[in-house]
């Protein structure tokens, strides 16, 4: 568990370093370049918030057994199949499409 916390801290430090380094001009500085460049706080918060789930994820070696890994794949596959099934039902049960088809049949008669 301590290794996971150390990895999370290392990821957070790396994200902060990348955010800081990406805000500095990399190639040719413009003529009005300020050496005291401020980091946009909103961008920093958004970056950290967006990358925070990565710090919470367990490494691949965290599975106790092959059975646990297979169970997670089965659950993930089931959820994905349900999402695709819902999208398929939504696509085929579109009331506007059905109404257009009905009107096309009536106009064809």
PDB file of N, CA and C in Angstrom:
ATOM      1  N   UNK A   1       0.822  -1.190   0.000  1.00  0.00           N
ATOM      2  CA  UNK A   1       0.000   0.000   0.000  1.00  0.00           C
ATOM      3  C   UNK A   1       0.866   1.252   0.000  1.00  0.00           C
ATOM      4  N   UNK A   2       2.001   1.172   0.698  1.00  0.00           N
ATOM      5  CA  UNK A   2       2.890   2.324   0.740  1.00  0.00           C
ATOM      6  C   UNK A   2       3.457   2.616  -0.646  1.00  0.00           C
ATOM      7  N   UNK A   3       3.711   1.554  -1.412  1.00  0.00           N
ATOM      8  CA  UNK A   3       4.233   1.742  -2.764  1.00  0.00           C
ATOM      9  C   UNK A   3       3.228   2.493  -3.626  1.00  0.00           C
ATOM     10  N   UNK A   4       1.946   2.188  -3.438  1.00  0.00           N
ATOM     11  CA  UNK A   4       0.888   2.863  -4.197  1.00  0.00           C
ATOM     12  C   UNK A   4       0.840   4.350  -3.853  1.00  0.00           C
ATOM     13  N   UNK A   5       1.000   4.670  -2.566  1.00  0.00           N
ATOM     14  CA  UNK A   5       0.989   6.072  -2.164  1.00  0.00           C
ATOM     15  C   UNK A   5       2.210   6.808  -2.705  1.00  0.00           C
ATOM     16  N   UNK A   6       3.353   6.125  -2.708  1.00  0.00           N
ATOM     17  CA  UNK A   6       4.568   6.748  -3.244  1.00  0.00           C
ATOM     18  C   UNK A   6       4.395   6.996  -4.738  1.00  0.00           C
ATOM     19  N   UNK A   7       3.807   6.029  -5.450  1.00  0.00           N
ATOM     20  CA  UNK A   7       3.559   6.210  -6.883  1.00  0.00           C
ATOM     21  C   UNK A   7       2.607   7.372  -7.134  1.00  0.00           C
ATOM     22  N   UNK A   8       1.583   7.497  -6.298  1.00  0.00           N
ATOM     23  CA  UNK A   8       0.633   8.590  -6.466  1.00  0.00           C
ATOM     24  C   UNK A   8       1.309   9.936  -6.250  1.00  0.00           C
ATOM     25  N   UNK A   9       2.186  10.011  -5.263  1.00  0.00           N
ATOM     26  CA  UNK A   9       2.893  11.260  -4.994  1.00  0.00           C
ATOM     27  C   UNK A   9       3.836  11.575  -6.148  1.00  0.00           C
ATOM     28  N   UNK A  10       4.509  10.554  -6.671  1.00  0.00           N
ATOM     29  CA  UNK A  10       5.428  10.774  -7.793  1.00  0.00           C
ATOM     30  C   UNK A  10       4.669  11.239  -9.033  1.00  0.00           C
ATOM     31  N   UNK A  11       3.490  10.682  -9.276  1.00  0.00           N
ATOM     32  CA  UNK A  11       2.681  11.101 -10.421  1.00  0.00           C
ATOM     33  C   UNK A  11       2.240  12.547 -10.251  1.00  0.00           C
ATOM     34  N   UNK A  12       1.826  12.911  -9.050  1.00  0.00           N
ATOM     35  CA  UNK A  12       1.394  14.281  -8.787  1.00  0.00           C
ATOM     36  C   UNK A  12       2.540  15.270  -8.980  1.00  0.00           C
ATOM     37  N   UNK A  13       3.723  14.924  -8.496  1.00  0.00           N
ATOM     38  CA  UNK A  13       4.885  15.799  -8.671  1.00  0.00           C
ATOM     39  C   UNK A  13       5.242  15.914 -10.150  1.00  0.00           C
ATOM     40  N   UNK A  14       5.177  14.808 -10.875  1.00  0.00           N
ATOM     41  CA  UNK A  14       5.477  14.840 -12.307  1.00  0.00           C
ATOM     42  C   UNK A  14       4.466  15.697 -13.062  1.00  0.00           C
ATOM     43  N   UNK A  15       3.186  15.601 -12.688  1.00  0.00           N
ATOM     44  CA  UNK A  15       2.160  16.422 -13.340  1.00  0.00           C
ATOM     45  C   UNK A  15       2.390  17.901 -13.082  1.00  0.00           C
ATOM     46  N   UNK A  16       2.753  18.227 -11.849  1.00  0.00           N
ATOM     47  CA  UNK A  16       3.036  19.630 -11.536  1.00  0.00           C
ATOM     48  C   UNK A  16       4.255  20.132 -12.311  1.00  0.00           C
ATOM     49  N   UNK A  17       5.276  19.299 -12.425  1.00  0.00           N
ATOM     50  CA  UNK A  17       6.471  19.695 -13.162  1.00  0.00           C
ATOM     51  C   UNK A  17       6.162  19.894 -14.643  1.00  0.00           C
ATOM     52  N   UNK A  18       5.377  18.994 -15.225  1.00  0.00           N
ATOM     53  CA  UNK A  18       5.015  19.129 -16.638  1.00  0.00           C
ATOM     54  C   UNK A  18       4.185  20.385 -16.854  1.00  0.00           C
ATOM     55  N   UNK A  19       3.261  20.657 -15.935  1.00  0.00           N
ATOM     56  CA  UNK A  19       2.439  21.859 -16.058  1.00  0.00           C
ATOM     57  C   UNK A  19       3.302  23.105 -15.994  1.00  0.00           C
ATOM     58  N   UNK A  20       4.255  23.130 -15.082  1.00  0.00           N
ATOM     59  CA  UNK A  20       5.126  24.298 -14.954  1.00  0.00           C
ATOM     60  C   UNK A  20       6.009  24.453 -16.182  1.00  0.00           C
ATOM     61  N   UNK A  21       6.605  23.354 -16.617  1.00  0.00           N
ATOM     62  CA  UNK A  21       7.525  23.436 -17.752  1.00  0.00           C
ATOM     63  C   UNK A  21       6.797  23.745 -19.065  1.00  0.00           C
ATOM     64  N   UNK A  22       5.545  23.322 -19.187  1.00  0.00           N
ATOM     65  CA  UNK A  22       4.827  23.601 -20.425  1.00  0.00           C
ATOM     66  C   UNK A  22       4.377  25.055 -20.511  1.00  0.00           C
ATOM     67  N   UNK A  23       4.388  25.763 -19.392  1.00  0.00           N
ATOM     68  CA  UNK A  23       3.979  27.160 -19.426  1.00  0.00           C
ATOM     69  C   UNK A  23       5.131  28.079 -19.807  1.00  0.00           C
ATOM     70  N   UNK A  24       6.338  27.576 -19.780  1.00  0.00           N
ATOM     71  CA  UNK A  24       7.512  28.372 -20.129  1.00  0.00           C
ATOM     72  C   UNK A  24       7.723  28.279 -21.643  1.00  0.00           C
ATOM     73  N   UNK A  25       8.143  29.388 -22.277  1.00  0.00           N
ATOM     74  CA  UNK A  25       8.388  29.378 -23.711  1.00  0.00           C
ATOM     75  C   UNK A  25       9.496  28.404 -24.053  1.00  0.00           C
ATOM     76  N   UNK A  26       9.278  27.556 -25.056  1.00  0.00           N
ATOM     77  CA  UNK A  26      10.234  26.504 -25.370  1.00  0.00           C
ATOM     78  C   UNK A  26      11.217  26.883 -26.467  1.00  0.00           C
ATOM     79  N   UNK A  27      10.811  27.716 -27.404  1.00  0.00           N
ATOM     80  CA  UNK A  27      11.683  27.988 -28.532  1.00  0.00           C
ATOM     81  C   UNK A  27      12.147  29.441 -28.506  1.00  0.00           C
ATOM     82  N   UNK A  28      11.598  30.259 -29.343  1.00  0.00           N
ATOM     83  CA  UNK A  28      12.024  31.650 -29.422  1.00  0.00           C
ATOM     84  C   UNK A  28      11.075  32.495 -28.582  1.00  0.00           C
ATOM     85  N   UNK A  29      11.640  33.260 -27.682  1.00  0.00           N
ATOM     86  CA  UNK A  29      10.819  34.094 -26.812  1.00  0.00           C
ATOM     87  C   UNK A  29      10.341  35.319 -27.581  1.00  0.00           C
ATOM     88  N   UNK A  30       9.101  35.725 -27.402  1.00  0.00           N
ATOM     89  CA  UNK A  30       8.631  36.944 -28.057  1.00  0.00           C
ATOM     90  C   UNK A  30       9.334  38.166 -27.467  1.00  0.00           C
ATOM     91  N   UNK A  31       9.221  39.288 -28.160  1.00  0.00           N
ATOM     92  CA  UNK A  31       9.940  40.485 -27.726  1.00  0.00           C
ATOM     93  C   UNK A  31       9.452  40.990 -26.376  1.00  0.00           C
ATOM     94  N   UNK A  32       8.208  40.750 -26.025  1.00  0.00           N
ATOM     95  CA  UNK A  32       7.702  41.212 -24.743  1.00  0.00           C
ATOM     96  C   UNK A  32       7.672  40.085 -23.709  1.00  0.00           C
ATOM     97  N   UNK A  33       8.615  39.183 -23.812  1.00  0.00           N
ATOM     98  CA  UNK A  33       8.676  38.040 -22.899  1.00  0.00           C
ATOM     99  C   UNK A  33       8.995  38.495 -21.486  1.00  0.00           C
ATOM    100  N   UNK A  34       8.183  38.014 -20.553  1.00  0.00           N
ATOM    101  CA  UNK A  34       8.419  38.342 -19.147  1.00  0.00           C
ATOM    102  C   UNK A  34       9.110  37.162 -18.476  1.00  0.00           C
ATOM    103  N   UNK A  35      10.118  37.448 -17.722  1.00  0.00           N
ATOM    104  CA  UNK A  35      10.815  36.371 -17.024  1.00  0.00           C
ATOM    105  C   UNK A  35      10.038  35.920 -15.802  1.00  0.00           C
ATOM    106  N   UNK A  36       9.139  36.730 -15.323  1.00  0.00           N
ATOM    107  CA  UNK A  36       8.335  36.408 -14.159  1.00  0.00           C
ATOM    108  C   UNK A  36       6.945  35.949 -14.620  1.00  0.00           C
ATOM    109  N   UNK A  37       6.898  34.927 -15.437  1.00  0.00           N
ATOM    110  CA  UNK A  37       5.631  34.475 -16.004  1.00  0.00           C
ATOM    111  C   UNK A  37       4.793  33.807 -14.914  1.00  0.00           C
ATOM    112  N   UNK A  38       3.524  34.170 -14.842  1.00  0.00           N
ATOM    113  CA  UNK A  38       2.633  33.581 -13.861  1.00  0.00           C
ATOM    114  C   UNK A  38       1.886  32.413 -14.490  1.00  0.00           C
ATOM    115  N   UNK A  39       1.633  31.404 -13.696  1.00  0.00           N
ATOM    116  CA  UNK A  39       0.888  30.244 -14.161  1.00  0.00           C
ATOM    117  C   UNK A  39      -0.592  30.522 -13.949  1.00  0.00           C
ATOM    118  N   UNK A  40      -1.368  30.257 -14.962  1.00  0.00           N
ATOM    119  CA  UNK A  40      -2.809  30.444 -14.847  1.00  0.00           C
ATOM    120  C   UNK A  40      -3.341  29.439 -13.834  1.00  0.00           C
ATOM    121  N   UNK A  41      -3.915  29.934 -12.756  1.00  0.00           N
ATOM    122  CA  UNK A  41      -4.361  29.066 -11.673  1.00  0.00           C
ATOM    123  C   UNK A  41      -5.496  28.146 -12.122  1.00  0.00           C
ATOM    124  N   UNK A  42      -6.379  28.637 -12.983  1.00  0.00           N
ATOM    125  CA  UNK A  42      -7.479  27.798 -13.451  1.00  0.00           C
ATOM    126  C   UNK A  42      -6.960  26.622 -14.268  1.00  0.00           C
ATOM    127  N   UNK A  43      -5.961  26.870 -15.105  1.00  0.00           N
ATOM    128  CA  UNK A  43      -5.400  25.787 -15.908  1.00  0.00           C
ATOM    129  C   UNK A  43      -4.696  24.767 -15.015  1.00  0.00           C
ATOM    130  N   UNK A  44      -4.008  25.242 -13.995  1.00  0.00           N
ATOM    131  CA  UNK A  44      -3.323  24.341 -13.079  1.00  0.00           C
ATOM    132  C   UNK A  44      -4.338  23.476 -12.328  1.00  0.00           C
ATOM    133  N   UNK A  45      -5.403  24.083 -11.835  1.00  0.00           N
ATOM    134  CA  UNK A  45      -6.424  23.332 -11.098  1.00  0.00           C
ATOM    135  C   UNK A  45      -7.110  22.339 -12.022  1.00  0.00           C
ATOM    136  N   UNK A  46      -7.405  22.746 -13.250  1.00  0.00           N
ATOM    137  CA  UNK A  46      -8.056  21.843 -14.196  1.00  0.00           C
ATOM    138  C   UNK A  46      -7.148  20.667 -14.542  1.00  0.00           C
ATOM    139  N   UNK A  47      -5.862  20.929 -14.690  1.00  0.00           N
ATOM    140  CA  UNK A  47      -4.921  19.857 -15.008  1.00  0.00           C
ATOM    141  C   UNK A  47      -4.813  18.866 -13.866  1.00  0.00           C
ATOM    142  N   UNK A  48      -4.664  19.376 -12.665  1.00  0.00           N
ATOM    143  CA  UNK A  48      -4.544  18.489 -11.506  1.00  0.00           C
ATOM    144  C   UNK A  48      -5.839  17.710 -11.297  1.00  0.00           C
ATOM    145  N   UNK A  49      -6.984  18.372 -11.462  1.00  0.00           N
ATOM    146  CA  UNK A  49      -8.267  17.684 -11.296  1.00  0.00           C
ATOM    147  C   UNK A  49      -8.459  16.622 -12.377  1.00  0.00           C
ATOM    148  N   UNK A  50      -8.020  16.919 -13.582  1.00  0.00           N
ATOM    149  CA  UNK A  50      -8.160  15.947 -14.664  1.00  0.00           C
ATOM    150  C   UNK A  50      -7.258  14.751 -14.516  1.00  0.00           C
ATOM    151  N   UNK A  51      -6.083  14.947 -13.942  1.00  0.00           N
ATOM    152  CA  UNK A  51      -5.132  13.852 -13.786  1.00  0.00           C
ATOM    153  C   UNK A  51      -5.255  13.138 -12.441  1.00  0.00           C
ATOM    154  N   UNK A  52      -6.104  13.632 -11.545  1.00  0.00           N
ATOM    155  CA  UNK A  52      -6.218  13.011 -10.225  1.00  0.00           C
ATOM    156  C   UNK A  52      -6.725  11.565 -10.267  1.00  0.00           C
ATOM    157  N   UNK A  53      -7.606  11.168 -11.202  1.00  0.00           N
ATOM    158  CA  UNK A  53      -7.983   9.743 -11.227  1.00  0.00           C
ATOM    159  C   UNK A  53      -6.806   8.821 -11.499  1.00  0.00           C
ATOM    160  N   UNK A  54      -5.804   9.307 -12.208  1.00  0.00           N
ATOM    161  CA  UNK A  54      -4.637   8.463 -12.456  1.00  0.00           C
ATOM    162  C   UNK A  54      -3.895   8.148 -11.176  1.00  0.00           C
ATOM    163  N   UNK A  55      -3.911   9.068 -10.227  1.00  0.00           N
ATOM    164  CA  UNK A  55      -3.234   8.833  -8.961  1.00  0.00           C
ATOM    165  C   UNK A  55      -3.994   7.829  -8.108  1.00  0.00           C
ATOM    166  N   UNK A  56      -5.301   7.710  -8.330  1.00  0.00           N
ATOM    167  CA  UNK A  56      -6.116   6.795  -7.542  1.00  0.00           C
ATOM    168  C   UNK A  56      -6.125   5.382  -8.098  1.00  0.00           C
ATOM    169  N   UNK A  57      -5.730   5.214  -9.342  1.00  0.00           N
ATOM    170  CA  UNK A  57      -5.752   3.900  -9.961  1.00  0.00           C
ATOM    171  C   UNK A  57      -4.706   2.994  -9.321  1.00  0.00           C
ATOM    172  N   UNK A  58      -5.054   1.727  -9.248  1.00  0.00           N
ATOM    173  CA  UNK A  58      -4.105   0.749  -8.741  1.00  0.00           C
ATOM    174  C   UNK A  58      -3.238   0.274  -9.895  1.00  0.00           C
ATOM    175  N   UNK A  59      -1.990  -0.040  -9.621  1.00  0.00           N
ATOM    176  CA  UNK A  59      -1.147  -0.560 -10.697  1.00  0.00           C
ATOM    177  C   UNK A  59      -1.636  -1.939 -11.139  1.00  0.00           C
ATOM    178  N   UNK A  60      -1.164  -2.388 -12.289  1.00  0.00           N
ATOM    179  CA  UNK A  60      -1.614  -3.665 -12.834  1.00  0.00           C
ATOM    180  C   UNK A  60      -1.260  -4.810 -11.901  1.00  0.00           C
ATOM    181  N   UNK A  61      -0.165  -4.694 -11.197  1.00  0.00           N
ATOM    182  CA  UNK A  61       0.251  -5.742 -10.273  1.00  0.00           C
ATOM    183  C   UNK A  61      -0.599  -5.824  -9.025  1.00  0.00           C
ATOM    184  N   UNK A  62      -1.620  -4.999  -8.892  1.00  0.00           N
ATOM    185  CA  UNK A  62      -2.429  -4.984  -7.679  1.00  0.00           C
ATOM    186  C   UNK A  62      -3.435  -6.126  -7.644  1.00  0.00           C
ATOM    187  N   UNK A  63      -3.648  -6.830  -8.762  1.00  0.00           N
ATOM    188  CA  UNK A  63      -4.585  -7.948  -8.754  1.00  0.00           C
ATOM    189  C   UNK A  63      -4.025  -9.073  -7.907  1.00  0.00           C
ATOM    190  N   UNK A  64      -4.879  -9.652  -7.070  1.00  0.00           N
ATOM    191  CA  UNK A  64      -4.442 -10.741  -6.206  1.00  0.00           C
ATOM    192  C   UNK A  64      -4.231 -12.019  -6.997  1.00  0.00           C
ATOM    193  N   UNK A  65      -5.018 -12.199  -8.039  1.00  0.00           N
ATOM    194  CA  UNK A  65      -4.909 -13.429  -8.808  1.00  0.00           C
ATOM    195  C   UNK A  65      -5.408 -13.190 -10.220  1.00  0.00           C
ATOM    196  N   UNK A  66      -5.241 -14.202 -11.012  1.00  0.00           N
ATOM    197  CA  UNK A  66      -5.736 -14.142 -12.384  1.00  0.00           C
ATOM    198  C   UNK A  66      -7.257 -14.101 -12.375  1.00  0.00           C
ATOM    199  N   UNK A  67      -7.861 -14.766 -11.400  1.00  0.00           N
ATOM    200  CA  UNK A  67      -9.321 -14.781 -11.306  1.00  0.00           C
ATOM    201  C   UNK A  67      -9.853 -13.372 -11.083  1.00  0.00           C
ATOM    202  N   UNK A  68      -9.204 -12.597 -10.227  1.00  0.00           N
ATOM    203  CA  UNK A  68      -9.641 -11.224  -9.982  1.00  0.00           C
ATOM    204  C   UNK A  68      -9.508 -10.377 -11.249  1.00  0.00           C
ATOM    205  N   UNK A  69      -8.435 -10.598 -11.989  1.00  0.00           N
ATOM    206  CA  UNK A  69      -8.247  -9.853 -13.230  1.00  0.00           C
ATOM    207  C   UNK A  69      -9.328 -10.221 -14.247  1.00  0.00           C
ATOM    208  N   UNK A  70      -9.629 -11.508 -14.369  1.00  0.00           N
ATOM    209  CA  UNK A  70     -10.653 -11.934 -15.305  1.00  0.00           C
ATOM    210  C   UNK A  70     -12.027 -11.418 -14.900  1.00  0.00           C
ATOM    211  N   UNK A  71     -12.306 -11.393 -13.598  1.00  0.00           N
ATOM    212  CA  UNK A  71     -13.575 -10.852 -13.132  1.00  0.00           C
ATOM    213  C   UNK A  71     -13.703  -9.373 -13.493  1.00  0.00           C
ATOM    214  N   UNK A  72     -12.617  -8.638 -13.337  1.00  0.00           N
ATOM    215  CA  UNK A  72     -12.685  -7.218 -13.682  1.00  0.00           C
ATOM    216  C   UNK A  72     -12.912  -7.033 -15.174  1.00  0.00           C
ATOM    217  N   UNK A  73     -12.287  -7.883 -16.000  1.00  0.00           N
ATOM    218  CA  UNK A  73     -12.513  -7.802 -17.436  1.00  0.00           C
ATOM    219  C   UNK A  73     -13.953  -8.154 -17.778  1.00  0.00           C
ATOM    220  N   UNK A  74     -14.511  -9.153 -17.095  1.00  0.00           N
ATOM    221  CA  UNK A  74     -15.897  -9.532 -17.354  1.00  0.00           C
ATOM    222  C   UNK A  74     -16.860  -8.413 -16.967  1.00  0.00           C
ATOM    223  N   UNK A  75     -16.624  -7.780 -15.839  1.00  0.00           N
ATOM    224  CA  UNK A  75     -17.483  -6.672 -15.417  1.00  0.00           C
ATOM    225  C   UNK A  75     -17.366  -5.516 -16.401  1.00  0.00           C
ATOM    226  N   UNK A  76     -16.137  -5.173 -16.781  1.00  0.00           N
ATOM    227  CA  UNK A  76     -15.939  -4.086 -17.739  1.00  0.00           C
ATOM    228  C   UNK A  76     -16.571  -4.388 -19.085  1.00  0.00           C
ATOM    229  N   UNK A  77     -16.433  -5.632 -19.550  1.00  0.00           N
ATOM    230  CA  UNK A  77     -17.050  -6.024 -20.813  1.00  0.00           C
ATOM    231  C   UNK A  77     -18.565  -5.997 -20.747  1.00  0.00           C
ATOM    232  N   UNK A  78     -19.110  -6.408 -19.602  1.00  0.00           N
ATOM    233  CA  UNK A  78     -20.564  -6.378 -19.433  1.00  0.00           C
ATOM    234  C   UNK A  78     -21.086  -4.945 -19.455  1.00  0.00           C
ATOM    235  N   UNK A  79     -20.389  -4.063 -18.766  1.00  0.00           N
ATOM    236  CA  UNK A  79     -20.810  -2.650 -18.750  1.00  0.00           C
ATOM    237  C   UNK A  79     -20.717  -2.062 -20.155  1.00  0.00           C
ATOM    238  N   UNK A  80     -19.655  -2.383 -20.859  1.00  0.00           N
ATOM    239  CA  UNK A  80     -19.502  -1.878 -22.226  1.00  0.00           C
ATOM    240  C   UNK A  80     -20.597  -2.423 -23.130  1.00  0.00           C
ATOM    241  N   UNK A  81     -20.946  -3.706 -22.969  1.00  0.00           N
ATOM    242  CA  UNK A  81     -22.021  -4.293 -23.773  1.00  0.00           C
ATOM    243  C   UNK A  81     -23.354  -3.618 -23.461  1.00  0.00           C
ATOM    244  N   UNK A  82     -23.605  -3.306 -22.189  1.00  0.00           N
ATOM    245  CA  UNK A  82     -24.840  -2.605 -21.833  1.00  0.00           C
ATOM    246  C   UNK A  82     -24.900  -1.209 -22.439  1.00  0.00           C
ATOM    247  N   UNK A  83     -23.771  -0.523 -22.464  1.00  0.00           N
ATOM    248  CA  UNK A  83     -23.735   0.815 -23.058  1.00  0.00           C
ATOM    249  C   UNK A  83     -24.024   0.743 -24.552  1.00  0.00           C
ATOM    250  N   UNK A  84     -23.397  -0.226 -25.237  1.00  0.00           N
ATOM    251  CA  UNK A  84     -23.649  -0.372 -26.667  1.00  0.00           C
ATOM    252  C   UNK A  84     -25.098  -0.775 -26.933  1.00  0.00           C
ATOM    253  N   UNK A  85     -25.655  -1.641 -26.087  1.00  0.00           N
ATOM    254  CA  UNK A  85     -27.050  -2.050 -26.268  1.00  0.00           C
ATOM    255  C   UNK A  85     -27.990  -0.865 -26.080  1.00  0.00           C
ATOM    256  N   UNK A  86     -27.706  -0.025 -25.080  1.00  0.00           N
ATOM    257  CA  UNK A  86     -28.540   1.157 -24.859  1.00  0.00           C
ATOM    258  C   UNK A  86     -28.441   2.121 -26.036  1.00  0.00           C
ATOM    259  N   UNK A  87     -27.246   2.279 -26.582  1.00  0.00           N
ATOM    260  CA  UNK A  87     -27.084   3.157 -27.744  1.00  0.00           C
ATOM    261  C   UNK A  87     -27.817   2.589 -28.955  1.00  0.00           C
ATOM    262  N   UNK A  88     -27.797   1.272 -29.115  1.00  0.00           N
ATOM    263  CA  UNK A  88     -28.494   0.648 -30.234  1.00  0.00           C
ATOM    264  C   UNK A  88     -30.010   0.806 -30.091  1.00  0.00           C
ATOM    265  N   UNK A  89     -30.525   0.616 -28.878  1.00  0.00           N
ATOM    266  CA  UNK A  89     -31.958   0.798 -28.639  1.00  0.00           C
ATOM    267  C   UNK A  89     -32.351   2.249 -28.888  1.00  0.00           C
ATOM    268  N   UNK A  90     -31.522   3.180 -28.420  1.00  0.00           N
ATOM    269  CA  UNK A  90     -31.825   4.594 -28.633  1.00  0.00           C
ATOM    270  C   UNK A  90     -31.808   4.946 -30.115  1.00  0.00           C
ATOM    271  N   UNK A  91     -30.911   4.324 -30.863  1.00  0.00           N
ATOM    272  CA  UNK A  91     -30.830   4.622 -32.291  1.00  0.00           C
ATOM    273  C   UNK A  91     -32.014   4.043 -33.062  1.00  0.00           C
ATOM    274  N   UNK A  92     -32.476   2.860 -32.659  1.00  0.00           N
ATOM    275  CA  UNK A  92     -33.576   2.233 -33.402  1.00  0.00           C
ATOM    276  C   UNK A  92     -34.943   2.699 -32.918  1.00  0.00           C
ATOM    277  N   UNK A  93     -35.031   3.199 -31.700  1.00  0.00           N
ATOM    278  CA  UNK A  93     -36.317   3.622 -31.155  1.00  0.00           C
ATOM    279  C   UNK A  93     -36.521   5.123 -31.268  1.00  0.00           C
ATOM    280  N   UNK A  94     -35.888   5.734 -32.240  1.00  0.00           N
ATOM    281  CA  UNK A  94     -36.011   7.170 -32.428  1.00  0.00           C
ATOM    282  C   UNK A  94     -37.409   7.495 -32.957  1.00  0.00           C
ATOM    283  N   UNK A  95     -38.234   8.220 -32.196  1.00  0.00           N
ATOM    284  CA  UNK A  95     -39.613   8.495 -32.651  1.00  0.00           C
ATOM    285  C   UNK A  95     -39.665   9.366 -33.902  1.00  0.00           C
ATOM    286  N   UNK A  96     -38.705  10.236 -34.093  1.00  0.00           N
ATOM    287  CA  UNK A  96     -38.726  11.067 -35.300  1.00  0.00           C
ATOM    288  C   UNK A  96     -38.495  10.227 -36.544  1.00  0.00           C
ATOM    289  N   UNK A  97     -37.590   9.271 -36.452  1.00  0.00           N
ATOM    290  CA  UNK A  97     -37.333   8.406 -37.599  1.00  0.00           C
ATOM    291  C   UNK A  97     -38.558   7.564 -37.908  1.00  0.00           C
ATOM    292  N   UNK A  98     -39.193   7.055 -36.847  1.00  0.00           N
ATOM    293  CA  UNK A  98     -40.403   6.258 -37.075  1.00  0.00           C
ATOM    294  C   UNK A  98     -41.493   7.103 -37.724  1.00  0.00           C
ATOM    295  N   UNK A  99     -41.668   8.321 -37.281  1.00  0.00           N
ATOM    296  CA  UNK A  99     -42.691   9.205 -37.849  1.00  0.00           C
ATOM    297  C   UNK A  99     -42.371   9.521 -39.309  1.00  0.00           C
ATOM    298  N   UNK A 100     -41.104   9.748 -39.614  1.00  0.00           N
ATOM    299  CA  UNK A 100     -40.718  10.014 -41.013  1.00  0.00           C
ATOM    300  C   UNK A 100     -41.013   8.808 -41.894  1.00  0.00           C
ATOM    301  N   UNK A 101     -40.753   7.613 -41.370  1.00  0.00           N
ATOM    302  CA  UNK A 101     -41.040   6.411 -42.152  1.00  0.00           C
ATOM    303  C   UNK A 101     -42.538   6.248 -42.376  1.00  0.00           C
ATOM    304  N   UNK A 102     -43.349   6.547 -41.357  1.00  0.00           N
ATOM    305  CA  UNK A 102     -44.797   6.469 -41.505  1.00  0.00           C
ATOM    306  C   UNK A 102     -45.279   7.468 -42.560  1.00  0.00           C
ATOM    307  N   UNK A 103     -44.742   8.687 -42.490  1.00  0.00           N
ATOM    308  CA  UNK A 103     -45.153   9.713 -43.453  1.00  0.00           C
ATOM    309  C   UNK A 103     -44.718   9.344 -44.870  1.00  0.00           C
ATOM    310  N   UNK A 104     -43.554   8.733 -44.988  1.00  0.00           N
ATOM    311  CA  UNK A 104     -43.101   8.320 -46.317  1.00  0.00           C
ATOM    312  C   UNK A 104     -44.001   7.248 -46.884  1.00  0.00           C
ATOM    313  N   UNK A 105     -44.487   6.327 -46.053  1.00  0.00           N
ATOM    314  CA  UNK A 105     -45.408   5.294 -46.522  1.00  0.00           C
ATOM    315  C   UNK A 105     -46.748   5.910 -46.947  1.00  0.00           C
ATOM    316  N   UNK A 106     -47.217   6.891 -46.157  1.00  0.00           N
ATOM    317  CA  UNK A 106     -48.483   7.548 -46.500  1.00  0.00           C
ATOM    318  C   UNK A 106     -48.352   8.356 -47.782  1.00  0.00           C
ATOM    319  N   UNK A 107     -47.236   9.016 -47.979  1.00  0.00           N
ATOM    320  CA  UNK A 107     -47.040   9.817 -49.175  1.00  0.00           C
ATOM    321  C   UNK A 107     -46.870   8.942 -50.410  1.00  0.00           C
ATOM    322  N   UNK A 108     -46.357   7.740 -50.198  1.00  0.00           N
ATOM    323  CA  UNK A 108     -46.149   6.824 -51.319  1.00  0.00           C
ATOM    324  C   UNK A 108     -47.424   6.209 -51.820  1.00  0.00           C
ATOM    325  N   UNK A 109     -48.471   6.170 -51.016  1.00  0.00           N
ATOM    326  CA  UNK A 109     -49.749   5.559 -51.431  1.00  0.00           C
ATOM    327  C   UNK A 109     -50.525   6.414 -52.364  1.00  0.00           C
TER     328      UNK A 109
END
